Amino acid sequence: AAGAGAVQHDRTKRRAFAEDAPFLSALNITDARTHGARPGMEKKRRQIFRFAELLDHALARTDVYAKARCRAVDFGCGKGYLAFAAHALLSARCAGAVRVEGVERRPALVDDANAAAARVGARDELAFVAGDPG
């Protein structure tokens, strides 16, 4: 039993963006109603949050967040998970306009990612194009 002087270890984790960020359900990582990870997607969800945490830590040591324009490119973006995470992070932290672009060789993945960006209302700031990043 915990005593009166017990140390609490259930701290709320500071996230780069909300646990119920709309892009997570748009990409079928979480359930839109419960915001919990879909079956088989918990590892991917953790990866996305860890990526955003590391990116935030790295960018916070620079002047990027204070710039009038924040831009990122994800080469070989696949389904766009990390591009969406970068967009959410930059949108939350940058003082200026945000633009994130994903480059992927497979047109079907590009189409799916652009459709997801449109569903979350980020089409003007987040775009995916078909191309060879190499």
Protein backbone atom coordinates (compact mmCIF):
# COMPACT_ATOMS: atom_id res chain seq x y z
CA ALA A 1 0.00 0.00 0.00
CA ALA A 2 1.21 3.45 -0.83
CA GLY A 3 1.98 5.66 2.13
CA ALA A 4 1.32 9.37 2.45
CA GLY A 5 4.84 10.15 1.24
CA ALA A 6 4.79 7.81 -1.75
CA VAL A 7 6.19 9.17 -4.99
CA GLN A 8 3.73 9.24 -7.84
CA HIS A 9 5.03 7.68 -11.06
CA ASP A 10 1.94 8.15 -13.20
CA ARG A 11 2.98 11.43 -14.77
CA THR A 12 1.18 12.63 -17.85
CA LYS A 13 3.54 12.39 -20.79
CA ARG A 14 4.10 15.64 -22.64
CA ARG A 15 3.26 14.97 -26.27
CA ALA A 16 4.27 16.92 -29.35
CA PHE A 17 0.59 16.80 -30.39
CA ALA A 18 -2.66 15.52 -28.95
CA GLU A 19 -3.26 11.80 -28.47
CA ASP A 20 -6.50 12.26 -30.42
CA ALA A 21 -4.90 14.15 -33.33
CA PRO A 22 -7.28 13.76 -36.30
CA PHE A 23 -4.57 12.46 -38.61
CA LEU A 24 -4.16 9.33 -36.48
CA SER A 25 -7.68 8.17 -37.25
CA ALA A 26 -7.50 9.44 -40.86
CA LEU A 27 -4.54 7.09 -41.35
CA ASN A 28 -6.38 4.23 -39.58
CA ILE A 29 -3.89 4.14 -36.72
CA THR A 30 -6.49 4.93 -34.08
CA ASP A 31 -10.23 4.48 -33.80
CA ALA A 32 -11.99 7.80 -34.49
CA ARG A 33 -14.47 7.23 -31.67
CA THR A 34 -12.26 5.92 -28.85
CA HIS A 35 -8.90 7.34 -30.04
CA GLY A 36 -7.30 4.05 -28.99
CA ALA A 37 -4.92 2.25 -31.30
CA ARG A 38 -6.55 -0.07 -33.80
CA PRO A 39 -5.59 -3.76 -33.49
CA GLY A 40 -2.02 -4.22 -34.66
CA MET A 41 -1.28 -0.47 -34.74
CA GLU A 42 -0.06 0.22 -31.17
CA LYS A 43 3.60 -0.16 -32.16
CA LYS A 44 3.13 2.21 -35.10
CA ARG A 45 1.34 4.71 -32.84
CA ARG A 46 4.23 4.61 -30.35
CA GLN A 47 6.73 5.03 -33.19
CA ILE A 48 4.91 8.13 -34.44
CA PHE A 49 4.85 9.75 -31.01
CA ARG A 50 8.51 8.89 -30.39
CA PHE A 51 9.52 10.31 -33.77
CA ALA A 52 7.69 13.57 -32.98
CA GLU A 53 9.31 13.71 -29.54
CA LEU A 54 12.80 13.30 -31.02
CA LEU A 55 12.12 15.78 -33.82
CA ASP A 56 10.77 18.31 -31.32
CA HIS A 57 13.83 17.86 -29.12
CA ALA A 58 16.18 18.41 -32.07
CA LEU A 59 14.31 21.40 -33.52
CA ALA A 60 13.89 23.09 -30.13
CA ARG A 61 17.68 23.53 -30.09
CA THR A 62 17.51 25.61 -33.26
CA ASP A 63 15.67 28.74 -34.37
CA VAL A 64 13.32 26.80 -36.70
CA TYR A 65 10.22 27.32 -34.57
CA ALA A 66 10.69 31.11 -34.63
CA LYS A 67 10.96 31.37 -38.41
CA ALA A 68 8.26 32.93 -40.56
CA ARG A 69 8.03 29.70 -42.56
CA CYS A 70 8.64 26.10 -41.47
CA ARG A 71 9.08 23.53 -44.22
CA ALA A 72 9.91 19.82 -44.14
CA VAL A 73 10.25 17.14 -46.80
CA ASP A 74 9.92 13.41 -46.16
CA PHE A 75 11.65 11.44 -48.92
CA GLY A 76 10.40 7.88 -49.25
CA CYS A 77 7.41 8.71 -47.05
CA GLY A 78 5.46 5.50 -47.67
CA LYS A 79 1.99 5.90 -46.18
CA GLY A 80 2.95 9.30 -44.78
CA TYR A 81 2.79 8.51 -41.08
CA LEU A 82 5.89 10.51 -40.17
CA ALA A 83 5.08 13.35 -42.57
CA PHE A 84 1.72 13.75 -40.82
CA ALA A 85 3.50 13.68 -37.44
CA ALA A 86 5.98 16.34 -38.60
CA HIS A 87 3.09 18.45 -39.86
CA ALA A 88 1.25 18.16 -36.52
CA LEU A 89 4.39 19.06 -34.59
CA LEU A 90 5.33 22.01 -36.79
CA SER A 91 1.75 23.28 -36.78
CA ALA A 92 1.76 23.24 -32.98
CA ARG A 93 5.20 24.79 -32.47
CA CYS A 94 6.05 27.05 -35.42
CA ALA A 95 5.33 30.75 -35.26
CA GLY A 96 4.84 30.99 -39.02
CA ALA A 97 3.39 29.12 -41.97
CA VAL A 98 3.93 25.37 -42.19
CA ARG A 99 4.44 23.23 -45.29
CA VAL A 100 5.28 19.51 -45.26
CA GLU A 101 5.74 17.47 -48.41
CA GLY A 102 6.07 13.73 -48.76
CA VAL A 103 7.77 12.13 -51.76
CA GLU A 104 6.92 8.51 -52.54
CA ARG A 105 7.49 6.29 -55.59
CA ARG A 106 4.21 4.38 -55.27
CA PRO A 107 1.32 6.48 -56.69
CA ALA A 108 -1.36 4.55 -54.76
CA LEU A 109 0.26 5.51 -51.45
CA VAL A 110 0.53 9.12 -52.61
CA ASP A 111 -3.18 9.17 -53.46
CA ASP A 112 -4.12 7.66 -50.10
CA ALA A 113 -1.95 10.12 -48.16
CA ASN A 114 -3.34 13.12 -50.07
CA ALA A 115 -6.88 11.88 -49.38
CA ALA A 116 -6.08 11.60 -45.66
CA ALA A 117 -4.59 15.13 -45.67
CA ALA A 118 -7.80 16.40 -47.25
CA ARG A 119 -9.92 14.58 -44.66
CA VAL A 120 -8.14 16.36 -41.80
CA GLY A 121 -8.25 19.75 -43.54
CA ALA A 122 -4.49 19.99 -44.06
CA ARG A 123 -4.40 19.84 -47.86
CA ASP A 124 -2.89 23.34 -48.19
CA GLU A 125 -0.06 22.60 -45.74
CA LEU A 126 0.54 18.89 -46.30
CA ALA A 127 0.99 17.37 -49.74
CA PHE A 128 2.32 14.15 -51.19
CA VAL A 129 3.83 13.74 -54.65
CA ALA A 130 4.90 10.72 -56.67
CA GLY A 131 8.56 10.72 -57.49
CA ASP A 132 11.86 8.95 -57.00
CA PRO A 133 13.73 10.47 -54.06
CA GLY A 134 16.95 8.78 -55.17
